[in-house]
Protein backbone atom coordinates (compact mmCIF):
# COMPACT_ATOMS: atom_id res chain seq x y z
CA UNK A 1 2.67 -19.30 8.02
CA UNK A 2 3.30 -19.89 4.24
CA UNK A 3 1.55 -17.59 1.69
CA UNK A 4 0.94 -19.05 -1.76
CA UNK A 5 1.25 -16.32 -4.42
CA UNK A 6 0.15 -17.13 -7.85
CA UNK A 7 0.30 -13.76 -9.61
CA UNK A 8 0.98 -10.01 -9.07
CA UNK A 9 -1.04 -7.19 -10.49
CA UNK A 10 0.76 -4.73 -12.59
CA UNK A 11 2.49 -2.14 -10.34
CA UNK A 12 1.37 1.48 -10.14
CA UNK A 13 2.96 4.65 -9.34
CA UNK A 14 0.93 6.67 -6.94
CA UNK A 15 1.30 10.38 -6.51
CA UNK A 16 -0.38 12.37 -3.65
CA UNK A 17 -0.32 16.27 -4.05
CA UNK A 18 -1.06 18.75 -1.42
CA UNK A 19 -4.39 18.07 0.05
CA UNK A 20 -4.57 14.43 -0.95
CA UNK A 21 -5.14 11.59 1.50
CA UNK A 22 -6.37 7.99 1.50
CA UNK A 23 -8.85 7.21 4.40
CA UNK A 24 -8.60 3.77 6.47
CA UNK A 25 -9.38 0.96 4.29
CA UNK A 26 -8.00 -2.60 3.42
CA UNK A 27 -7.36 -4.04 0.07
CA UNK A 28 -9.11 -7.33 0.32
CA UNK A 29 -10.58 -8.48 -2.87
CA UNK A 30 -11.87 -11.89 -3.71
CA UNK A 31 -12.37 -13.10 -7.39
CA UNK A 32 -16.09 -13.58 -8.54
CA UNK A 33 -15.61 -17.26 -8.55
CA UNK A 34 -13.87 -17.31 -5.09
CA UNK A 35 -10.81 -19.03 -6.56
CA UNK A 36 -8.21 -16.30 -5.52
CA UNK A 37 -7.75 -13.27 -3.44
CA UNK A 38 -5.47 -10.35 -2.79
CA UNK A 39 -2.93 -11.56 -0.13
CA UNK A 40 -0.02 -9.01 0.16
CA UNK A 41 0.41 -5.41 -0.45
CA UNK A 42 3.73 -3.61 -1.02
CA UNK A 43 4.46 0.18 -1.09
CA UNK A 44 7.88 1.47 -2.27
CA UNK A 45 8.88 4.93 -1.20
CA UNK A 46 10.02 6.82 -4.54
CA UNK A 47 10.91 10.27 -3.13
CA UNK A 48 13.05 11.69 -0.25
CA UNK A 49 11.48 12.37 3.07
CA UNK A 50 11.92 16.04 2.85
CA UNK A 51 10.25 16.55 -0.54
CA UNK A 52 6.71 16.56 1.19
CA UNK A 53 4.97 16.97 4.58
CA UNK A 54 2.19 14.89 5.82
CA UNK A 55 1.33 11.82 3.52
CA UNK A 56 2.39 9.27 6.10
CA UNK A 57 1.62 5.74 5.54
CA UNK A 58 -0.18 4.35 8.47
CA UNK A 59 -0.63 0.54 8.92
CA UNK A 60 -2.88 0.24 11.86
CA UNK A 61 -1.47 2.93 14.26
CA UNK A 62 2.07 2.26 12.96
CA UNK A 63 3.64 5.27 11.14
CA UNK A 64 5.89 3.60 8.44
CA UNK A 65 9.35 4.74 7.47
CA UNK A 66 9.75 7.58 4.65
CA UNK A 67 13.40 6.93 3.57
CA UNK A 68 13.69 6.66 -0.33
CA UNK A 69 13.70 3.03 -1.46
CA UNK A 70 11.94 1.71 1.67
CA UNK A 71 9.58 -1.19 0.80
CA UNK A 72 6.73 -2.18 3.15
CA UNK A 73 5.06 -5.36 2.72
CA UNK A 74 1.80 -6.08 4.66
CA UNK A 75 -1.30 -8.41 4.43
CA UNK A 76 -4.07 -7.02 2.16
CA UNK A 77 -6.74 -7.36 4.97
CA UNK A 78 -4.82 -5.12 7.27
CA UNK A 79 -6.35 -1.47 7.71
CA UNK A 80 -4.09 1.21 6.47
CA UNK A 81 -4.34 4.92 5.36
CA UNK A 82 -2.23 7.86 4.07
CA UNK A 83 -2.51 11.11 5.98
CA UNK A 84 -3.23 14.35 4.14
CA UNK A 85 -0.16 15.78 2.20
CA UNK A 86 0.40 19.38 3.41
CA UNK A 87 3.32 20.32 1.20
CA UNK A 88 5.00 18.94 -1.95
CA UNK A 89 4.21 15.68 -3.62
CA UNK A 90 4.52 12.07 -2.31
CA UNK A 91 5.31 9.29 -4.83
CA UNK A 92 5.21 5.54 -4.18
CA UNK A 93 5.07 2.44 -6.11
CA UNK A 94 2.26 0.06 -5.09
CA UNK A 95 1.55 -3.49 -5.82
CA UNK A 96 -0.75 -6.35 -4.91
CA UNK A 97 -0.03 -10.17 -4.93
CA UNK A 98 -2.79 -12.68 -5.21
CA UNK A 99 -3.10 -16.31 -4.22
CA UNK A 100 -5.69 -19.04 -3.72
CA UNK A 101 -8.80 -18.12 -1.74
CA UNK A 102 -8.51 -19.09 1.84
CA UNK A 103 -11.77 -18.31 3.88
């Protein structure tokens, strides 16, 4: 199906240090006037796989690739999480694309 994207939030560089995690959630947000909603997320891996342990991006039950430069796009309504970092620091670039609200 087609996804109509009308704007993209400013990108953010996210770091997870030892002990950090992000529990299961989705990124669905609808504007107060119900005109637009978050449609698509992107996460880009900004460090090498061996620079940290843990810190896996899970989309549903799928463990995502960790190679430097890997970009993962997924619908904002999909449940995802980041497992606890047990060594090092995980860096990623995250972004969110918005489009017309479609209930």
